[in-house]
């Protein structure tokens, strides 16, 4: 699969950005990659919940 990079604007307060920056440094993760994995995990979780709700009782 080929990857295509896009610019993404994320609105945060200065305090939130400090917390995010500290977390990324402590965990030694790249913010963009961390955000991508987090979003994909949430999408999978929502899809799984929806699938469970659609199951007949």
C-alpha atoms as a PDB file:
ATOM      1  CA  UNK A   1       0.000   0.000   0.000  1.00  0.00           C
ATOM      2  CA  UNK A   2       1.425   3.372  -0.907  1.00  0.00           C
ATOM      3  CA  UNK A   3       1.177   6.190   1.596  1.00  0.00           C
ATOM      4  CA  UNK A   4       0.157   9.692   0.692  1.00  0.00           C
ATOM      5  CA  UNK A   5       1.055  12.480   3.068  1.00  0.00           C
ATOM      6  CA  UNK A   6      -1.404  15.303   3.707  1.00  0.00           C
ATOM      7  CA  UNK A   7      -1.292  18.341   5.940  1.00  0.00           C
ATOM      8  CA  UNK A   8      -3.664  18.198   8.871  1.00  0.00           C
ATOM      9  CA  UNK A   9      -4.587  21.076  11.122  1.00  0.00           C
ATOM     10  CA  UNK A  10      -5.282  20.215  14.751  1.00  0.00           C
ATOM     11  CA  UNK A  11      -6.608  22.945  16.995  1.00  0.00           C
ATOM     12  CA  UNK A  12      -5.377  22.775  20.579  1.00  0.00           C
ATOM     13  CA  UNK A  13      -4.687  25.192  23.375  1.00  0.00           C
ATOM     14  CA  UNK A  14      -1.117  25.968  24.370  1.00  0.00           C
ATOM     15  CA  UNK A  15      -1.621  23.951  27.568  1.00  0.00           C
ATOM     16  CA  UNK A  16      -2.906  20.955  25.591  1.00  0.00           C
ATOM     17  CA  UNK A  17       0.024  21.204  23.168  1.00  0.00           C
ATOM     18  CA  UNK A  18       2.466  21.194  26.086  1.00  0.00           C
ATOM     19  CA  UNK A  19       0.842  18.029  27.480  1.00  0.00           C
ATOM     20  CA  UNK A  20       0.880  16.375  24.057  1.00  0.00           C
ATOM     21  CA  UNK A  21       4.511  17.370  23.484  1.00  0.00           C
ATOM     22  CA  UNK A  22       5.562  16.017  26.886  1.00  0.00           C
ATOM     23  CA  UNK A  23       3.724  12.752  26.235  1.00  0.00           C
ATOM     24  CA  UNK A  24       5.320  12.294  22.814  1.00  0.00           C
ATOM     25  CA  UNK A  25       8.799  12.983  24.192  1.00  0.00           C
ATOM     26  CA  UNK A  26       8.319  10.634  27.163  1.00  0.00           C
ATOM     27  CA  UNK A  27       6.926   7.859  24.976  1.00  0.00           C
ATOM     28  CA  UNK A  28       9.406   8.602  22.183  1.00  0.00           C
ATOM     29  CA  UNK A  29       6.632   8.702  19.574  1.00  0.00           C
ATOM     30  CA  UNK A  30       6.071  10.925  16.577  1.00  0.00           C
ATOM     31  CA  UNK A  31       2.885  12.966  17.083  1.00  0.00           C
ATOM     32  CA  UNK A  32       1.578  12.355  13.560  1.00  0.00           C
ATOM     33  CA  UNK A  33       2.080   8.598  13.744  1.00  0.00           C
ATOM     34  CA  UNK A  34       0.591   8.438  17.252  1.00  0.00           C
ATOM     35  CA  UNK A  35      -2.471  10.440  16.160  1.00  0.00           C
ATOM     36  CA  UNK A  36      -2.910   8.218  13.095  1.00  0.00           C
ATOM     37  CA  UNK A  37      -2.753   5.004  15.144  1.00  0.00           C
ATOM     38  CA  UNK A  38      -5.118   6.470  17.738  1.00  0.00           C
ATOM     39  CA  UNK A  39      -7.661   7.464  15.089  1.00  0.00           C
ATOM     40  CA  UNK A  40      -7.510   4.093  13.327  1.00  0.00           C
ATOM     41  CA  UNK A  41      -7.930   2.256  16.630  1.00  0.00           C
ATOM     42  CA  UNK A  42     -11.010   4.375  17.431  1.00  0.00           C
ATOM     43  CA  UNK A  43     -12.494   3.666  13.997  1.00  0.00           C
ATOM     44  CA  UNK A  44     -12.021  -0.088  14.554  1.00  0.00           C
ATOM     45  CA  UNK A  45     -13.600   0.154  18.014  1.00  0.00           C
ATOM     46  CA  UNK A  46     -16.659   1.996  16.667  1.00  0.00           C
ATOM     47  CA  UNK A  47     -17.068  -0.509  13.821  1.00  0.00           C
ATOM     48  CA  UNK A  48     -16.881  -3.393  16.288  1.00  0.00           C
ATOM     49  CA  UNK A  49     -19.499  -1.747  18.535  1.00  0.00           C
ATOM     50  CA  UNK A  50     -21.789  -1.203  15.566  1.00  0.00           C
ATOM     51  CA  UNK A  51     -21.364  -4.837  14.493  1.00  0.00           C
ATOM     52  CA  UNK A  52     -22.218  -6.021  18.024  1.00  0.00           C
ATOM     53  CA  UNK A  53     -25.359  -3.838  18.077  1.00  0.00           C
ATOM     54  CA  UNK A  54     -26.513  -5.307  14.753  1.00  0.00           C
ATOM     55  CA  UNK A  55     -26.266  -8.912  15.979  1.00  0.00           C
ATOM     56  CA  UNK A  56     -29.680 -10.495  16.591  1.00  0.00           C
ATOM     57  CA  UNK A  57     -30.331 -11.289  20.248  1.00  0.00           C
END
